Amino acid sequence: MELRDLKSFIEVVKHQSFTKAASHSYLSQPSFSKAVKKVEEELKVELFDRSTRHLRLTDAGQIVYEQAQKALVSLSEITFLLDDLRNVAVGEIKIGIPPLIGTLFFPNIAKRVQESYPNVSLQLVERGAKLIGQLVENGEVDLGIVVLPTDTAKFNMLPFISDEFVLYVHKKHPLALRSAIDIRELKEEKFILFSEEFTLHDYIKRVCINAGFVPDISYQSSQWDLIIELVSSEFGVTLLPKSIYHKLNNPNVQIVPIAEPTLYWRLGIITKKEAYHSFALREVLKMLNE
């Protein structure tokens, strides 16, 4: 069985479509179909249920997919092991980061890594925080930066950064000039939140429910800058980390502190427990922990 055929199969599963897999690759759709067919013929099983509208793995396909992923991770470790033998920080490190965290912190991380380890390249994989843990667990990224708490039974965790939440409102909003507000005062407001795949979505809902009300969500987005633009256009209010405010260039948006208890945004760096860490990855983790 050829490695490139297994890689093609994994790409089709990842995108849940031969067409989408081809659009994200230099290979054509027929090439993906041919590769999957070769794996099926060699293993004498059907990998996909093609009777439904959406491509789904068969039971056999699920087994092949899981084992193929493990095989590729093991093969990729050969390079890391040889680098470790030479004790040289080289290679590529894949970092999973939610878009908001990437905007705020990745440029600084990339600069520090480049200055200290010029032979190490970083690949940024942006997903919602809920998905980052899955990518780390599956070995698709080497480390992830996530909102805490996280599952410490599955992951090694290093505290990264802590920030406080503040209220973002239009400058003409009645609350804009307040020195601080109580969460309960937002009961009648319309909220603009991150979409449901983001940890911050659940966090803000839980904060409001704990304050005695269910937030009225008018808009959801996966982009923090669009959320801010909606606030600027007076479509609602939002709660976001204070550090975002320093990235803004929008005079229509005002921030207001939250009265006690202060709401904190705590981030951590996670890696998969018992997974192999290359010399380069260990050095980068050490740098980030300083």
C-alpha atoms as a PDB file:
ATOM      1  CA  MET A   1       0.000   0.000   0.000  1.00  0.00           C
ATOM      2  CA  GLU A   2       1.488   3.326  -1.046  1.00  0.00           C
ATOM      3  CA  LEU A   3       1.774   6.154   1.454  1.00  0.00           C
ATOM      4  CA  ARG A   4       0.463   8.774  -0.974  1.00  0.00           C
ATOM      5  CA  ASP A   5      -2.761   6.794  -1.428  1.00  0.00           C
ATOM      6  CA  LEU A   6      -3.349   6.773   2.334  1.00  0.00           C
ATOM      7  CA  LYS A   7      -2.660  10.505   2.461  1.00  0.00           C
ATOM      8  CA  SER A   8      -5.216  11.062  -0.302  1.00  0.00           C
ATOM      9  CA  PHE A   9      -7.772   8.975   1.587  1.00  0.00           C
ATOM     10  CA  ILE A  10      -7.195  11.016   4.767  1.00  0.00           C
ATOM     11  CA  GLU A  11      -7.652  14.270   2.826  1.00  0.00           C
ATOM     12  CA  VAL A  12     -10.995  13.081   1.422  1.00  0.00           C
ATOM     13  CA  VAL A  13     -12.166  12.153   4.937  1.00  0.00           C
ATOM     14  CA  LYS A  14     -10.979  15.482   6.329  1.00  0.00           C
ATOM     15  CA  HIS A  15     -12.909  17.486   3.710  1.00  0.00           C
ATOM     16  CA  GLN A  16     -15.795  14.958   3.484  1.00  0.00           C
ATOM     17  CA  SER A  17     -15.721  15.308  -0.287  1.00  0.00           C
ATOM     18  CA  PHE A  18     -13.537  14.304  -3.235  1.00  0.00           C
ATOM     19  CA  THR A  19     -14.220  17.681  -4.842  1.00  0.00           C
ATOM     20  CA  LYS A  20     -13.263  19.707  -1.755  1.00  0.00           C
ATOM     21  CA  ALA A  21     -10.152  17.603  -1.190  1.00  0.00           C
ATOM     22  CA  ALA A  22      -9.071  18.345  -4.754  1.00  0.00           C
ATOM     23  CA  SER A  23      -9.748  22.077  -4.351  1.00  0.00           C
ATOM     24  CA  HIS A  24      -7.353  22.162  -1.385  1.00  0.00           C
ATOM     25  CA  SER A  25      -4.646  20.184  -3.184  1.00  0.00           C
ATOM     26  CA  TYR A  26      -2.573  20.084  -6.353  1.00  0.00           C
ATOM     27  CA  LEU A  27      -4.229  16.734  -7.196  1.00  0.00           C
ATOM     28  CA  SER A  28      -7.358  16.373  -9.320  1.00  0.00           C
ATOM     29  CA  GLN A  29     -10.629  14.811  -8.202  1.00  0.00           C
ATOM     30  CA  PRO A  30     -10.039  11.700 -10.400  1.00  0.00           C
ATOM     31  CA  SER A  31      -6.630  11.276  -8.728  1.00  0.00           C
ATOM     32  CA  PHE A  32      -8.270  11.198  -5.300  1.00  0.00           C
ATOM     33  CA  SER A  33     -10.921   8.755  -6.531  1.00  0.00           C
ATOM     34  CA  LYS A  34      -8.251   6.497  -8.017  1.00  0.00           C
ATOM     35  CA  ALA A  35      -6.160   6.553  -4.822  1.00  0.00           C
ATOM     36  CA  VAL A  36      -9.128   5.648  -2.609  1.00  0.00           C
ATOM     37  CA  LYS A  37     -10.141   2.879  -5.036  1.00  0.00           C
ATOM     38  CA  LYS A  38      -6.633   1.399  -4.860  1.00  0.00           C
ATOM     39  CA  VAL A  39      -6.769   1.281  -1.055  1.00  0.00           C
ATOM     40  CA  GLU A  40     -10.219  -0.350  -1.184  1.00  0.00           C
ATOM     41  CA  GLU A  41      -9.070  -2.981  -3.692  1.00  0.00           C
ATOM     42  CA  GLU A  42      -5.944  -3.816  -1.719  1.00  0.00           C
ATOM     43  CA  LEU A  43      -7.787  -4.117   1.600  1.00  0.00           C
ATOM     44  CA  LYS A  44     -10.873  -5.683  -0.014  1.00  0.00           C
ATOM     45  CA  VAL A  45     -13.285  -3.333   1.822  1.00  0.00           C
ATOM     46  CA  GLU A  46     -15.435  -0.322   1.007  1.00  0.00           C
ATOM     47  CA  LEU A  47     -14.159   2.790   2.762  1.00  0.00           C
ATOM     48  CA  PHE A  48     -17.096   5.081   2.037  1.00  0.00           C
ATOM     49  CA  ASP A  49     -20.860   4.659   2.012  1.00  0.00           C
ATOM     50  CA  ARG A  50     -21.655   6.177  -1.374  1.00  0.00           C
ATOM     51  CA  SER A  51     -25.404   5.556  -1.168  1.00  0.00           C
ATOM     52  CA  THR A  52     -26.068   8.727   0.783  1.00  0.00           C
ATOM     53  CA  ARG A  53     -25.969  12.360  -0.298  1.00  0.00           C
ATOM     54  CA  HIS A  54     -23.036  13.116   1.992  1.00  0.00           C
ATOM     55  CA  LEU A  55     -19.852  11.055   1.961  1.00  0.00           C
ATOM     56  CA  ARG A  56     -19.674   8.880   5.095  1.00  0.00           C
ATOM     57  CA  LEU A  57     -17.102   6.384   6.317  1.00  0.00           C
ATOM     58  CA  THR A  58     -18.114   2.756   6.614  1.00  0.00           C
ATOM     59  CA  ASP A  59     -17.136   0.851   9.758  1.00  0.00           C
ATOM     60  CA  ALA A  60     -14.123  -0.499   7.863  1.00  0.00           C
ATOM     61  CA  GLY A  61     -13.348   3.001   6.592  1.00  0.00           C
ATOM     62  CA  GLN A  62     -13.306   4.363  10.141  1.00  0.00           C
ATOM     63  CA  ILE A  63     -10.779   1.713  11.195  1.00  0.00           C
ATOM     64  CA  VAL A  64      -8.543   2.409   8.178  1.00  0.00           C
ATOM     65  CA  TYR A  65      -8.777   6.168   8.775  1.00  0.00           C
ATOM     66  CA  GLU A  66      -7.758   5.919  12.436  1.00  0.00           C
ATOM     67  CA  GLN A  67      -4.865   3.534  11.729  1.00  0.00           C
ATOM     68  CA  ALA A  68      -3.691   5.559   8.714  1.00  0.00           C
ATOM     69  CA  GLN A  69      -3.493   8.673  10.893  1.00  0.00           C
ATOM     70  CA  LYS A  70      -1.422   6.810  13.468  1.00  0.00           C
ATOM     71  CA  ALA A  71       0.872   5.476  10.735  1.00  0.00           C
ATOM     72  CA  LEU A  72       1.491   8.945   9.298  1.00  0.00           C
ATOM     73  CA  VAL A  73       2.223  10.383  12.741  1.00  0.00           C
ATOM     74  CA  SER A  74       4.739   7.570  13.384  1.00  0.00           C
ATOM     75  CA  LEU A  75       6.432   8.139  10.019  1.00  0.00           C
ATOM     76  CA  SER A  76       6.661  11.879  10.601  1.00  0.00           C
ATOM     77  CA  GLU A  77       8.541  11.205  13.843  1.00  0.00           C
ATOM     78  CA  ILE A  78      11.476   9.711  11.912  1.00  0.00           C
ATOM     79  CA  THR A  79      12.645  13.186  10.912  1.00  0.00           C
ATOM     80  CA  PHE A  80      12.223  14.477  14.461  1.00  0.00           C
ATOM     81  CA  LEU A  81      14.172  11.569  15.900  1.00  0.00           C
ATOM     82  CA  LEU A  82      17.076  12.162  13.512  1.00  0.00           C
ATOM     83  CA  ASP A  83      17.044  15.873  14.346  1.00  0.00           C
ATOM     84  CA  ASP A  84      17.165  14.976  18.029  1.00  0.00           C
ATOM     85  CA  LEU A  85      20.109  12.697  17.335  1.00  0.00           C
ATOM     86  CA  ARG A  86      21.906  15.710  15.888  1.00  0.00           C
ATOM     87  CA  ASN A  87      20.481  17.899  18.710  1.00  0.00           C
ATOM     88  CA  VAL A  88      19.540  20.627  16.244  1.00  0.00           C
ATOM     89  CA  ALA A  89      16.408  22.787  16.385  1.00  0.00           C
ATOM     90  CA  VAL A  90      15.160  22.435  12.821  1.00  0.00           C
ATOM     91  CA  GLY A  91      11.919  21.503  11.128  1.00  0.00           C
ATOM     92  CA  GLU A  92       8.295  22.603  11.107  1.00  0.00           C
ATOM     93  CA  ILE A  93       5.994  22.992  14.105  1.00  0.00           C
ATOM     94  CA  LYS A  94       2.242  23.109  13.616  1.00  0.00           C
ATOM     95  CA  ILE A  95       0.436  25.382  16.065  1.00  0.00           C
ATOM     96  CA  GLY A  96      -3.338  25.284  16.503  1.00  0.00           C
ATOM     97  CA  ILE A  97      -4.769  28.655  17.536  1.00  0.00           C
ATOM     98  CA  PRO A  98      -8.267  30.174  17.539  1.00  0.00           C
ATOM     99  CA  PRO A  99      -8.394  33.243  15.235  1.00  0.00           C
ATOM    100  CA  LEU A 100      -8.681  35.736  18.092  1.00  0.00           C
ATOM    101  CA  ILE A 101      -5.643  34.333  19.894  1.00  0.00           C
ATOM    102  CA  GLY A 102      -3.747  34.184  16.605  1.00  0.00           C
ATOM    103  CA  THR A 103      -4.405  37.861  15.903  1.00  0.00           C
ATOM    104  CA  LEU A 104      -3.303  38.960  19.352  1.00  0.00           C
ATOM    105  CA  PHE A 105      -0.317  36.733  20.045  1.00  0.00           C
ATOM    106  CA  PHE A 106       0.930  34.754  17.029  1.00  0.00           C
ATOM    107  CA  PRO A 107       2.997  37.563  15.426  1.00  0.00           C
ATOM    108  CA  ASN A 108       4.990  37.929  18.646  1.00  0.00           C
ATOM    109  CA  ILE A 109       5.395  34.157  18.970  1.00  0.00           C
ATOM    110  CA  ALA A 110       6.583  33.866  15.359  1.00  0.00           C
ATOM    111  CA  LYS A 111       9.080  36.707  15.842  1.00  0.00           C
ATOM    112  CA  ARG A 112      10.551  35.177  18.999  1.00  0.00           C
ATOM    113  CA  VAL A 113      10.878  31.741  17.368  1.00  0.00           C
ATOM    114  CA  GLN A 114      12.507  33.228  14.263  1.00  0.00           C
ATOM    115  CA  GLU A 115      15.025  35.169  16.340  1.00  0.00           C
ATOM    116  CA  SER A 116      15.947  32.210  18.560  1.00  0.00           C
ATOM    117  CA  TYR A 117      15.541  29.317  16.106  1.00  0.00           C
ATOM    118  CA  PRO A 118      15.917  30.548  12.497  1.00  0.00           C
ATOM    119  CA  ASN A 119      15.768  26.978  11.150  1.00  0.00           C
ATOM    120  CA  VAL A 120      12.362  26.283  12.698  1.00  0.00           C
ATOM    121  CA  SER A 121       9.280  27.209  10.669  1.00  0.00           C
ATOM    122  CA  LEU A 122       5.796  27.590  12.141  1.00  0.00           C
ATOM    123  CA  GLN A 123       2.575  26.543  10.434  1.00  0.00           C
ATOM    124  CA  LEU A 124      -0.505  28.238  11.839  1.00  0.00           C
ATOM    125  CA  VAL A 125      -3.739  26.235  11.902  1.00  0.00           C
ATOM    126  CA  GLU A 126      -6.721  28.419  12.872  1.00  0.00           C
ATOM    127  CA  ARG A 127      -9.838  26.774  14.282  1.00  0.00           C
ATOM    128  CA  GLY A 128     -12.331  27.418  17.068  1.00  0.00           C
ATOM    129  CA  ALA A 129     -10.943  26.620  20.519  1.00  0.00           C
ATOM    130  CA  LYS A 130     -13.241  23.584  20.841  1.00  0.00           C
ATOM    131  CA  LEU A 131     -11.594  22.034  17.771  1.00  0.00           C
ATOM    132  CA  ILE A 132      -7.999  22.807  18.716  1.00  0.00           C
ATOM    133  CA  GLY A 133      -8.027  20.115  21.420  1.00  0.00           C
ATOM    134  CA  GLN A 134      -9.207  17.543  18.871  1.00  0.00           C
ATOM    135  CA  LEU A 135      -6.385  18.513  16.486  1.00  0.00           C
ATOM    136  CA  VAL A 136      -3.791  18.127  19.250  1.00  0.00           C
ATOM    137  CA  GLU A 137      -5.286  14.813  20.347  1.00  0.00           C
ATOM    138  CA  ASN A 138      -5.302  13.488  16.763  1.00  0.00           C
ATOM    139  CA  GLY A 139      -1.698  14.542  16.188  1.00  0.00           C
ATOM    140  CA  GLU A 140      -2.684  17.009  13.453  1.00  0.00           C
ATOM    141  CA  VAL A 141      -0.946  19.877  15.260  1.00  0.00           C
ATOM    142  CA  ASP A 142       2.031  19.752  17.617  1.00  0.00           C
ATOM    143  CA  LEU A 143       0.732  22.232  20.152  1.00  0.00           C
ATOM    144  CA  GLY A 144      -2.380  24.289  20.693  1.00  0.00           C
ATOM    145  CA  ILE A 145      -3.230  27.477  22.543  1.00  0.00           C
ATOM    146  CA  VAL A 146      -6.655  27.138  24.140  1.00  0.00           C
ATOM    147  CA  VAL A 147      -8.962  28.801  26.618  1.00  0.00           C
ATOM    148  CA  LEU A 148      -8.697  27.183  30.053  1.00  0.00           C
ATOM    149  CA  PRO A 149      -9.728  24.957  31.691  1.00  0.00           C
ATOM    150  CA  THR A 150      -8.727  22.011  29.508  1.00  0.00           C
ATOM    151  CA  ASP A 151      -8.642  18.225  29.875  1.00  0.00           C
ATOM    152  CA  THR A 152      -5.412  17.618  31.802  1.00  0.00           C
ATOM    153  CA  ALA A 153      -5.967  13.856  31.582  1.00  0.00           C
ATOM    154  CA  LYS A 154      -5.289  14.115  27.836  1.00  0.00           C
ATOM    155  CA  PHE A 155      -2.968  17.105  27.592  1.00  0.00           C
ATOM    156  CA  ASN A 156       0.151  18.584  29.108  1.00  0.00           C
ATOM    157  CA  MET A 157      -0.664  22.211  29.922  1.00  0.00           C
ATOM    158  CA  LEU A 158       1.436  25.323  30.424  1.00  0.00           C
ATOM    159  CA  PRO A 159      -0.258  28.560  31.548  1.00  0.00           C
ATOM    160  CA  PHE A 160       0.213  31.193  28.843  1.00  0.00           C
ATOM    161  CA  ILE A 161      -1.605  34.518  29.283  1.00  0.00           C
ATOM    162  CA  SER A 162      -4.398  35.928  31.441  1.00  0.00           C
ATOM    163  CA  ASP A 163      -6.523  38.924  30.481  1.00  0.00           C
ATOM    164  CA  GLU A 164      -9.758  40.441  31.745  1.00  0.00           C
ATOM    165  CA  PHE A 165     -13.054  40.776  29.912  1.00  0.00           C
ATOM    166  CA  VAL A 166     -14.566  44.203  29.311  1.00  0.00           C
ATOM    167  CA  LEU A 167     -17.777  45.425  27.705  1.00  0.00           C
ATOM    168  CA  TYR A 168     -17.512  46.777  24.139  1.00  0.00           C
ATOM    169  CA  VAL A 169     -20.223  49.307  23.218  1.00  0.00           C
ATOM    170  CA  HIS A 170     -20.827  52.120  20.761  1.00  0.00           C
ATOM    171  CA  LYS A 171     -19.561  55.448  22.122  1.00  0.00           C
ATOM    172  CA  LYS A 172     -23.145  56.803  22.169  1.00  0.00           C
ATOM    173  CA  HIS A 173     -24.482  53.860  24.161  1.00  0.00           C
ATOM    174  CA  PRO A 174     -25.901  54.849  27.578  1.00  0.00           C
ATOM    175  CA  LEU A 175     -23.324  52.621  29.305  1.00  0.00           C
ATOM    176  CA  ALA A 176     -20.325  54.020  27.414  1.00  0.00           C
ATOM    177  CA  LEU A 177     -19.390  56.658  30.001  1.00  0.00           C
ATOM    178  CA  ARG A 178     -19.800  54.420  33.054  1.00  0.00           C
ATOM    179  CA  SER A 179     -16.727  53.698  35.172  1.00  0.00           C
ATOM    180  CA  ALA A 180     -17.871  50.061  35.513  1.00  0.00           C
ATOM    181  CA  ILE A 181     -20.972  47.951  34.929  1.00  0.00           C
ATOM    182  CA  ASP A 182     -22.590  44.915  36.506  1.00  0.00           C
ATOM    183  CA  ILE A 183     -23.317  41.990  34.160  1.00  0.00           C
ATOM    184  CA  ARG A 184     -26.963  42.074  35.294  1.00  0.00           C
ATOM    185  CA  GLU A 185     -27.322  45.494  33.654  1.00  0.00           C
ATOM    186  CA  LEU A 186     -26.946  43.820  30.250  1.00  0.00           C
ATOM    187  CA  LYS A 187     -30.157  41.822  30.574  1.00  0.00           C
ATOM    188  CA  GLU A 188     -32.019  43.877  27.951  1.00  0.00           C
ATOM    189  CA  GLU A 189     -29.070  44.258  25.564  1.00  0.00           C
ATOM    190  CA  LYS A 190     -28.579  42.467  22.251  1.00  0.00           C
ATOM    191  CA  PHE A 191     -25.343  40.476  22.215  1.00  0.00           C
ATOM    192  CA  ILE A 192     -22.922  39.888  19.356  1.00  0.00           C
ATOM    193  CA  LEU A 193     -20.897  36.741  20.054  1.00  0.00           C
ATOM    194  CA  PHE A 194     -18.454  34.366  18.480  1.00  0.00           C
ATOM    195  CA  SER A 195     -20.160  31.406  16.783  1.00  0.00           C
ATOM    196  CA  GLU A 196     -20.855  28.189  18.705  1.00  0.00           C
ATOM    197  CA  GLU A 197     -17.615  26.407  17.766  1.00  0.00           C
ATOM    198  CA  PHE A 198     -15.747  28.940  19.903  1.00  0.00           C
ATOM    199  CA  THR A 199     -15.243  28.521  23.632  1.00  0.00           C
ATOM    200  CA  LEU A 200     -15.976  32.220  24.188  1.00  0.00           C
ATOM    201  CA  HIS A 201     -19.543  31.678  22.944  1.00  0.00           C
ATOM    202  CA  ASP A 202     -20.279  29.213  25.751  1.00  0.00           C
ATOM    203  CA  TYR A 203     -18.357  31.270  28.288  1.00  0.00           C
ATOM    204  CA  ILE A 204     -20.356  34.487  27.716  1.00  0.00           C
ATOM    205  CA  LYS A 205     -23.660  32.593  27.758  1.00  0.00           C
ATOM    206  CA  ARG A 206     -22.696  30.938  31.050  1.00  0.00           C
ATOM    207  CA  VAL A 207     -21.685  34.287  32.580  1.00  0.00           C
ATOM    208  CA  CYS A 208     -25.058  35.779  31.679  1.00  0.00           C
ATOM    209  CA  ILE A 209     -27.024  32.768  32.898  1.00  0.00           C
ATOM    210  CA  ASN A 210     -25.135  32.892  36.200  1.00  0.00           C
ATOM    211  CA  ALA A 211     -26.182  36.548  36.433  1.00  0.00           C
ATOM    212  CA  GLY A 212     -29.836  35.533  36.082  1.00  0.00           C
ATOM    213  CA  PHE A 213     -30.672  35.929  32.393  1.00  0.00           C
ATOM    214  CA  VAL A 214     -30.234  34.267  29.001  1.00  0.00           C
ATOM    215  CA  PRO A 215     -28.441  36.620  26.587  1.00  0.00           C
ATOM    216  CA  ASP A 216     -30.384  37.854  23.560  1.00  0.00           C
ATOM    217  CA  ILE A 217     -27.940  36.979  20.752  1.00  0.00           C
ATOM    218  CA  SER A 218     -28.539  39.092  17.648  1.00  0.00           C
ATOM    219  CA  TYR A 219     -25.463  38.126  15.626  1.00  0.00           C
ATOM    220  CA  GLN A 220     -22.742  35.478  15.663  1.00  0.00           C
ATOM    221  CA  SER A 221     -19.450  35.497  13.781  1.00  0.00           C
ATOM    222  CA  SER A 222     -16.143  33.636  13.596  1.00  0.00           C
ATOM    223  CA  GLN A 223     -14.276  36.941  13.071  1.00  0.00           C
ATOM    224  CA  TRP A 224     -13.510  39.248  15.989  1.00  0.00           C
ATOM    225  CA  ASP A 225     -13.095  42.289  13.714  1.00  0.00           C
ATOM    226  CA  LEU A 226     -16.580  41.764  12.265  1.00  0.00           C
ATOM    227  CA  ILE A 227     -17.990  41.549  15.807  1.00  0.00           C
ATOM    228  CA  ILE A 228     -16.372  44.902  16.571  1.00  0.00           C
ATOM    229  CA  GLU A 229     -17.739  46.424  13.359  1.00  0.00           C
ATOM    230  CA  LEU A 230     -21.248  45.302  14.308  1.00  0.00           C
ATOM    231  CA  VAL A 231     -20.819  46.952  17.710  1.00  0.00           C
ATOM    232  CA  SER A 232     -19.569  50.067  15.902  1.00  0.00           C
ATOM    233  CA  SER A 233     -22.730  50.018  13.775  1.00  0.00           C
ATOM    234  CA  GLU A 234     -24.898  49.832  16.939  1.00  0.00           C
ATOM    235  CA  PHE A 235     -26.225  46.328  16.319  1.00  0.00           C
ATOM    236  CA  GLY A 236     -25.464  45.277  19.887  1.00  0.00           C
ATOM    237  CA  VAL A 237     -22.797  44.896  22.574  1.00  0.00           C
ATOM    238  CA  THR A 238     -20.177  42.260  23.259  1.00  0.00           C
ATOM    239  CA  LEU A 239     -17.845  41.016  25.979  1.00  0.00           C
ATOM    240  CA  LEU A 240     -14.280  40.410  24.825  1.00  0.00           C
ATOM    241  CA  PRO A 241     -10.760  40.434  26.313  1.00  0.00           C
ATOM    242  CA  LYS A 242      -9.369  43.908  26.986  1.00  0.00           C
ATOM    243  CA  SER A 243      -6.238  43.249  24.894  1.00  0.00           C
ATOM    244  CA  ILE A 244      -8.327  43.439  21.714  1.00  0.00           C
ATOM    245  CA  TYR A 245      -8.977  47.124  22.344  1.00  0.00           C
ATOM    246  CA  HIS A 246      -5.315  47.922  21.712  1.00  0.00           C
ATOM    247  CA  LYS A 247      -5.659  46.390  18.233  1.00  0.00           C
ATOM    248  CA  LEU A 248      -8.620  48.578  17.310  1.00  0.00           C
ATOM    249  CA  ASN A 249      -8.631  51.632  15.123  1.00  0.00           C
ATOM    250  CA  ASN A 250     -12.303  52.426  15.564  1.00  0.00           C
ATOM    251  CA  PRO A 251     -13.212  55.643  17.389  1.00  0.00           C
ATOM    252  CA  ASN A 252     -16.876  54.597  17.626  1.00  0.00           C
ATOM    253  CA  VAL A 253     -16.187  51.734  20.043  1.00  0.00           C
ATOM    254  CA  GLN A 254     -15.768  52.262  23.778  1.00  0.00           C
ATOM    255  CA  ILE A 255     -14.812  49.733  26.468  1.00  0.00           C
ATOM    256  CA  VAL A 256     -16.272  49.635  29.966  1.00  0.00           C
ATOM    257  CA  PRO A 257     -14.779  47.590  32.853  1.00  0.00           C
ATOM    258  CA  ILE A 258     -16.821  44.848  34.494  1.00  0.00           C
ATOM    259  CA  ALA A 259     -17.521  45.304  38.202  1.00  0.00           C
ATOM    260  CA  GLU A 260     -16.454  42.609  40.667  1.00  0.00           C
ATOM    261  CA  PRO A 261     -16.054  39.773  40.276  1.00  0.00           C
ATOM    262  CA  THR A 262     -13.617  40.395  37.416  1.00  0.00           C
ATOM    263  CA  LEU A 263     -14.068  37.999  34.487  1.00  0.00           C
ATOM    264  CA  TYR A 264     -10.789  36.510  33.315  1.00  0.00           C
ATOM    265  CA  TRP A 265      -9.703  35.073  29.970  1.00  0.00           C
ATOM    266  CA  ARG A 266      -7.077  32.460  30.780  1.00  0.00           C
ATOM    267  CA  LEU A 267      -5.083  30.793  28.012  1.00  0.00           C
ATOM    268  CA  GLY A 268      -2.897  27.712  28.124  1.00  0.00           C
ATOM    269  CA  ILE A 269      -0.515  25.879  25.805  1.00  0.00           C
ATOM    270  CA  ILE A 270      -1.382  22.210  25.372  1.00  0.00           C
ATOM    271  CA  THR A 271       0.421  19.214  23.907  1.00  0.00           C
ATOM    272  CA  LYS A 272      -0.707  15.616  23.745  1.00  0.00           C
ATOM    273  CA  LYS A 273       0.325  13.491  26.718  1.00  0.00           C
ATOM    274  CA  GLU A 274       2.819  10.723  25.947  1.00  0.00           C
ATOM    275  CA  ALA A 275       3.278  12.040  22.389  1.00  0.00           C
ATOM    276  CA  TYR A 276       6.799  12.413  21.035  1.00  0.00           C
ATOM    277  CA  HIS A 277       8.202  15.955  21.315  1.00  0.00           C
ATOM    278  CA  SER A 278      10.978  16.829  18.889  1.00  0.00           C
ATOM    279  CA  PHE A 279      13.999  18.779  20.088  1.00  0.00           C
ATOM    280  CA  ALA A 280      12.680  21.830  18.198  1.00  0.00           C
ATOM    281  CA  LEU A 281       9.255  21.546  19.832  1.00  0.00           C
ATOM    282  CA  ARG A 282      10.776  21.164  23.304  1.00  0.00           C
ATOM    283  CA  GLU A 283      12.885  24.268  22.753  1.00  0.00           C
ATOM    284  CA  VAL A 284       9.907  26.318  21.555  1.00  0.00           C
ATOM    285  CA  LEU A 285       7.806  25.182  24.516  1.00  0.00           C
ATOM    286  CA  LYS A 286      10.624  26.144  26.844  1.00  0.00           C
ATOM    287  CA  MET A 287      10.789  29.591  25.209  1.00  0.00           C
ATOM    288  CA  LEU A 288       7.019  30.129  25.481  1.00  0.00           C
ATOM    289  CA  ASN A 289       7.088  29.132  29.141  1.00  0.00           C
ATOM    290  CA  GLU A 290       9.710  31.736  30.022  1.00  0.00           C
END
